[in-house]
Protein backbone atom coordinates (compact mmCIF):
# COMPACT_ATOMS: atom_id res chain seq x y z
CA MET A 1 -3.16 15.11 25.93
CA VAL A 2 -1.52 15.09 22.50
CA GLU A 3 -1.09 11.89 20.52
CA THR A 4 2.53 11.23 19.53
CA TYR A 5 4.32 8.62 17.43
CA MET A 6 7.73 7.03 17.71
CA ALA A 7 9.27 6.58 14.27
CA VAL A 8 12.16 4.57 12.93
CA ALA A 9 13.90 5.31 9.61
CA ILE A 10 15.19 2.45 7.48
CA SER A 11 16.62 2.44 3.98
CA THR A 12 14.44 1.80 0.95
CA ALA A 13 17.22 -0.58 -0.09
CA HIS A 14 15.45 -3.17 2.08
CA LEU A 15 12.35 -3.05 -0.17
CA THR A 16 11.84 -5.41 -3.07
CA GLN A 17 10.33 -4.05 -6.26
CA LYS A 18 7.16 -5.91 -5.34
CA ASP A 19 7.08 -4.08 -2.01
CA ILE A 20 7.66 -0.72 -3.70
CA ASP A 21 4.76 -1.43 -6.06
CA ALA A 22 2.48 -2.58 -3.20
CA LEU A 23 3.30 0.46 -1.05
CA GLY A 24 2.78 2.75 -4.05
CA GLU A 25 -0.62 1.21 -4.72
CA ALA A 26 -1.60 1.50 -1.07
CA ALA A 27 -0.52 5.14 -0.96
CA ALA A 28 -2.59 5.90 -4.06
CA ASP A 29 -5.70 4.24 -2.58
CA ASP A 30 -8.02 6.89 -1.13
CA GLY A 31 -9.30 4.34 1.37
CA GLU A 32 -5.82 3.60 2.75
CA ASN A 33 -4.67 5.94 5.49
CA MET A 34 -1.70 3.99 6.85
CA VAL A 35 0.72 4.42 3.90
CA MET A 36 1.98 7.68 2.40
CA ALA A 37 4.34 7.97 -0.56
CA ARG A 38 6.92 10.72 -0.84
CA LYS A 39 9.72 11.53 -3.22
CA THR A 40 12.33 9.65 -1.18
CA GLY A 41 10.25 6.71 0.02
CA PHE A 42 7.24 5.91 2.17
CA PHE A 43 5.77 6.38 5.62
CA VAL A 44 3.99 3.31 7.02
CA LYS A 45 1.96 3.94 10.16
CA LEU A 46 1.57 0.84 12.32
CA TYR A 47 -1.60 -0.21 14.05
CA GLY A 48 -0.70 -0.28 17.73
CA HIS A 49 -3.34 -2.73 18.87
CA ASP A 50 -2.75 -5.66 16.53
CA GLN A 51 0.50 -6.66 14.87
CA THR A 52 -1.22 -8.78 12.21
CA SER A 53 -3.15 -5.74 10.94
CA ASN A 54 0.19 -4.28 9.83
CA LEU A 55 0.98 -7.21 7.55
CA ARG A 56 -0.60 -6.80 4.15
CA HIS A 57 -1.14 -9.31 1.39
CA GLY A 58 1.38 -8.83 -1.37
CA HIS A 59 4.30 -7.76 0.82
CA SER A 60 7.48 -9.79 0.78
CA GLN A 61 8.62 -11.75 3.81
CA THR A 62 11.31 -9.10 4.33
CA ILE A 63 8.92 -6.17 4.69
CA LYS A 64 6.74 -8.28 6.97
CA ASP A 65 9.82 -9.01 9.09
CA ILE A 66 10.68 -5.28 9.18
CA LEU A 67 7.16 -4.35 10.27
CA ARG A 68 7.15 -7.09 12.94
CA TRP A 69 10.55 -5.87 14.16
CA ALA A 70 9.36 -2.25 14.31
CA PHE A 71 6.12 -3.21 16.07
CA GLY A 72 7.98 -5.37 18.58
CA ALA A 73 10.41 -2.53 19.35
CA GLY A 74 7.52 -0.18 20.08
CA TRP A 75 7.76 1.97 16.94
CA ASN A 76 4.50 3.43 15.62
CA LEU A 77 5.75 4.60 12.24
CA VAL A 78 8.30 3.19 9.79
CA GLU A 79 9.91 5.68 7.45
CA PHE A 80 11.39 3.94 4.42
CA ASP A 81 13.80 6.54 3.05
CA ARG A 82 16.48 6.32 0.37
CA ASP A 83 18.91 8.25 2.60
CA ALA A 84 18.29 6.27 5.79
CA ASP A 85 20.72 3.65 7.01
CA THR A 86 20.41 -0.03 6.28
CA VAL A 87 19.90 -2.43 9.17
CA ASP A 88 22.24 -5.41 9.22
CA ILE A 89 19.58 -7.97 10.12
CA PHE A 90 17.61 -7.37 6.89
CA PRO A 91 18.60 -8.14 3.30
CA VAL A 92 19.50 -5.31 0.93
CA PHE A 93 17.88 -5.48 -2.51
CA ASP A 94 18.94 -2.12 -4.00
CA SER A 95 22.26 -0.73 -2.89
CA THR A 96 21.72 2.47 -4.89
CA HIS A 97 18.98 3.65 -2.47
CA ALA A 98 16.99 5.07 -5.38
CA ALA A 99 13.97 7.27 -4.69
CA VAL A 100 10.85 5.15 -4.96
CA GLY A 101 7.84 7.14 -3.80
CA GLY A 102 5.53 9.94 -4.92
């Protein structure tokens, strides 16, 4: 049996600057294995067993809502990417979709 993940891509335009900073710090932390930065955004792996474990201190309400939404839909990985589409139910903070990661 091979472990697989279902991923959803969502625009980095939904991230506040505070979220970008928090995800960047998490990605740079050697002890953190659930967040990875890349040139065009971030990958956030979700804990499948406990939704509250996915919600980190320092994240905005919007990113918490996105992670809850993804978890509830059965996604295991959220790809925040500057080229991904926006989702109408979430606010847009940066319409330029600037690269934010790595």
